[in-house]
Amino acid sequence: MTAVLDPTVALVVIDLQKGIVGLPPADDAAGVVKNASRLAHAFRARGRTVALVSVVGVAPGRADVSHTGGELPANFADLVAELGNHPDDIVVQKRSWGAFSSTDLDEQLRSRGITQIVLCGIATSMGVESTARFAHEYGYNVVVVRDAVADPDPAAHTHSLETILPRIAQVRRADELHLELQ
């Protein structure tokens, strides 16, 4: 099923950074990086907005399962080279799962007239789903690219793609985006 994109669509890439893509599922991450990079280059070639999001810390607060703490490696937040970097890209650093929480992503997208976002990245059930939820609540049309997301927990990945995300987004493969990616 094809997803027709708004003329004012942006690609939002979640946490494709050195400190994340090397973690399990590293095999899945390689495919996500390949597909997300292809999308980023296609969006830029068509003059469309690309937002590159990286996580640089954790949100405050207690949880039963949390970050172990300690210093992150120096290159943890460096985006993977395959994504490229264009001066017109939006670059956002976050300290939470979602890309909208405590960042200026919404303001940057709205200032460019963006009405729809296409999401890809890691992890499906965390950063991607959180960002999709906020985007939907903020009134954006949302597309999640099924073959450009991965999660360390296969069950959580499937639950997000099959149960949660279809209620707030269109879930499509990269080749189903009407963007002339070839």
Protein backbone atom coordinates (compact mmCIF):
# COMPACT_ATOMS: atom_id res chain seq x y z
CA MET A 1 0.00 0.00 0.00
CA THR A 2 1.53 3.31 -1.09
CA ALA A 3 1.84 6.24 1.28
CA VAL A 4 1.36 9.53 -0.52
CA LEU A 5 3.47 12.20 1.08
CA ASP A 6 2.45 15.79 1.75
CA PRO A 7 4.36 18.43 -0.21
CA THR A 8 5.60 19.64 3.19
CA VAL A 9 7.02 16.39 4.53
CA ALA A 10 10.16 15.95 6.61
CA LEU A 11 12.24 12.88 7.37
CA VAL A 12 13.01 12.50 11.08
CA VAL A 13 15.85 10.09 11.87
CA ILE A 14 15.95 8.84 15.46
CA ASP A 15 19.20 7.92 17.25
CA LEU A 16 21.25 6.56 14.36
CA GLN A 17 24.43 7.37 16.19
CA LYS A 18 27.63 5.50 17.00
CA GLY A 19 26.66 4.72 20.60
CA ILE A 20 23.34 3.15 19.57
CA VAL A 21 23.89 1.33 16.25
CA GLY A 22 26.64 -0.85 17.74
CA LEU A 23 24.30 -2.25 20.39
CA PRO A 24 22.04 -5.25 19.81
CA PRO A 25 20.39 -5.73 17.36
CA ALA A 26 23.54 -4.73 15.44
CA ASP A 27 22.55 -6.89 12.43
CA ASP A 28 19.18 -5.14 12.20
CA ALA A 29 20.86 -1.76 12.75
CA ALA A 30 22.94 -2.14 9.57
CA GLY A 31 19.76 -2.50 7.49
CA VAL A 32 18.14 0.43 9.28
CA VAL A 33 21.19 2.63 8.62
CA LYS A 34 21.19 1.62 4.94
CA ASN A 35 17.48 2.36 4.44
CA ALA A 36 17.50 5.55 6.54
CA SER A 37 20.54 6.84 4.65
CA ARG A 38 18.86 6.14 1.34
CA LEU A 39 15.80 8.06 2.52
CA ALA A 40 17.86 10.99 3.83
CA HIS A 41 19.71 11.36 0.53
CA ALA A 42 16.43 11.09 -1.43
CA PHE A 43 14.71 13.71 0.74
CA ARG A 44 17.63 16.13 0.38
CA ALA A 45 17.83 15.57 -3.39
CA ARG A 46 14.20 16.66 -3.63
CA GLY A 47 14.70 19.72 -1.43
CA ARG A 48 12.78 18.24 1.48
CA THR A 49 13.64 18.63 5.15
CA VAL A 50 15.74 16.10 7.06
CA ALA A 51 15.94 16.16 10.86
CA LEU A 52 18.73 14.19 12.52
CA VAL A 53 18.07 13.40 16.18
CA SER A 54 20.55 11.97 18.66
CA VAL A 55 20.26 11.13 22.32
CA VAL A 56 22.90 12.65 24.60
CA GLY A 57 21.64 11.64 28.04
CA VAL A 58 18.67 10.37 29.97
CA ALA A 59 15.60 12.01 31.39
CA PRO A 60 15.58 12.49 35.14
CA GLY A 61 13.37 10.35 37.29
CA ARG A 62 13.25 6.86 38.70
CA ALA A 63 12.27 3.74 36.80
CA ASP A 64 12.46 0.00 37.44
CA VAL A 65 14.73 -0.36 34.41
CA SER A 66 17.02 2.56 33.79
CA HIS A 67 20.33 3.60 32.31
CA THR A 68 23.21 2.18 34.29
CA GLY A 69 24.78 5.62 34.62
CA GLY A 70 28.36 6.64 34.15
CA GLU A 71 30.04 8.60 31.43
CA LEU A 72 29.03 8.01 27.84
CA PRO A 73 31.90 7.43 25.38
CA ALA A 74 33.15 10.61 23.67
CA ASN A 75 31.69 9.64 20.27
CA PHE A 76 28.41 8.20 21.63
CA ALA A 77 26.19 10.90 20.08
CA ASP A 78 28.07 11.18 16.77
CA LEU A 79 25.67 10.45 13.92
CA VAL A 80 26.66 7.60 11.59
CA ALA A 81 28.56 8.86 8.56
CA GLU A 82 26.23 7.11 6.11
CA LEU A 83 23.47 9.63 6.89
CA GLY A 84 25.56 12.45 5.53
CA ASN A 85 25.14 15.97 6.78
CA HIS A 86 23.69 18.90 4.92
CA PRO A 87 23.74 22.50 6.15
CA ASP A 88 19.93 22.67 5.83
CA ASP A 89 19.36 19.63 8.06
CA ILE A 90 17.71 20.14 11.42
CA VAL A 91 19.99 18.70 14.11
CA VAL A 92 18.46 17.96 17.52
CA GLN A 93 19.97 16.50 20.66
CA LYS A 94 17.61 15.05 23.25
CA ARG A 95 17.70 13.67 26.77
CA SER A 96 14.55 11.57 26.57
CA TRP A 97 13.02 8.93 24.35
CA GLY A 98 10.94 11.25 22.20
CA ALA A 99 12.41 13.84 19.86
CA PHE A 100 9.78 16.48 20.72
CA SER A 101 10.15 16.46 24.49
CA SER A 102 12.41 19.27 25.74
CA THR A 103 13.72 20.12 22.25
CA ASP A 104 12.87 22.73 19.64
CA LEU A 105 12.03 20.15 16.95
CA ASP A 106 8.35 21.14 16.78
CA GLU A 107 9.23 24.83 16.37
CA GLN A 108 11.81 24.07 13.67
CA LEU A 109 9.40 21.88 11.72
CA ARG A 110 6.51 24.34 12.01
CA SER A 111 8.73 27.25 10.93
CA ARG A 112 9.35 25.31 7.70
CA GLY A 113 5.63 24.60 7.23
CA ILE A 114 6.01 20.85 7.79
CA THR A 115 2.69 18.96 8.04
CA GLN A 116 3.93 15.38 7.87
CA ILE A 117 6.90 13.45 9.22
CA VAL A 118 8.41 10.19 8.04
CA LEU A 119 10.11 8.39 10.93
CA CYS A 120 12.95 5.92 10.97
CA GLY A 121 15.61 4.87 13.47
CA ILE A 122 16.27 2.92 16.64
CA ALA A 123 14.52 1.83 18.85
CA THR A 124 11.06 1.17 17.50
CA SER A 125 9.35 0.80 20.88
CA MET A 126 11.20 3.68 22.51
CA GLY A 127 12.48 6.69 20.54
CA VAL A 128 10.52 6.03 17.35
CA GLU A 129 7.21 5.26 19.07
CA SER A 130 7.58 8.15 21.53
CA THR A 131 8.29 10.58 18.71
CA ALA A 132 5.37 9.22 16.66
CA ARG A 133 2.99 9.64 19.62
CA PHE A 134 3.99 13.27 20.17
CA ALA A 135 3.91 14.04 16.44
CA HIS A 136 0.39 12.61 16.18
CA GLU A 137 -0.76 14.60 19.21
CA TYR A 138 0.78 17.77 17.73
CA GLY A 139 -1.25 17.25 14.55
CA TYR A 140 1.39 15.97 12.15
CA ASN A 141 0.59 13.23 9.66
CA VAL A 142 3.00 10.42 10.53
CA VAL A 143 4.56 7.64 8.49
CA VAL A 144 6.82 5.04 10.13
CA VAL A 145 9.14 3.21 7.75
CA ARG A 146 8.87 -0.48 8.66
CA ASP A 147 12.18 -1.49 7.08
CA ALA A 148 14.06 1.46 8.57
CA VAL A 149 13.36 0.79 12.27
CA ALA A 150 14.73 -1.79 14.70
CA ASP A 151 14.51 -2.59 18.39
CA PRO A 152 16.64 -4.62 20.81
CA ASP A 153 13.47 -6.43 21.90
CA PRO A 154 11.85 -8.31 18.99
CA ALA A 155 8.51 -8.64 20.81
CA ALA A 156 8.40 -4.91 21.59
CA HIS A 157 9.32 -4.14 17.96
CA THR A 158 6.46 -6.26 16.67
CA HIS A 159 4.00 -4.87 19.21
CA SER A 160 4.85 -1.30 18.22
CA LEU A 161 4.60 -1.98 14.47
CA GLU A 162 1.48 -4.13 14.61
CA THR A 163 -0.53 -2.69 17.50
CA ILE A 164 0.49 0.82 18.56
CA LEU A 165 1.85 2.62 15.51
CA PRO A 166 -0.97 1.77 13.05
CA ARG A 167 -3.34 3.68 15.37
CA ILE A 168 -1.36 6.91 15.05
CA ALA A 169 0.60 6.54 11.81
CA GLN A 170 0.83 4.88 8.45
CA VAL A 171 3.34 2.03 8.65
CA ARG A 172 5.00 1.43 5.29
CA ARG A 173 8.17 0.06 3.72
CA ALA A 174 10.56 2.54 2.13
CA ASP A 175 9.59 1.41 -1.36
CA GLU A 176 5.94 2.22 -0.58
CA LEU A 177 6.65 5.92 -0.11
CA HIS A 178 5.59 7.94 -3.11
CA LEU A 179 8.88 9.82 -3.22
CA GLU A 180 10.51 8.35 -6.33
CA LEU A 181 13.41 6.95 -4.32
CA GLN A 182 15.07 5.19 -7.24
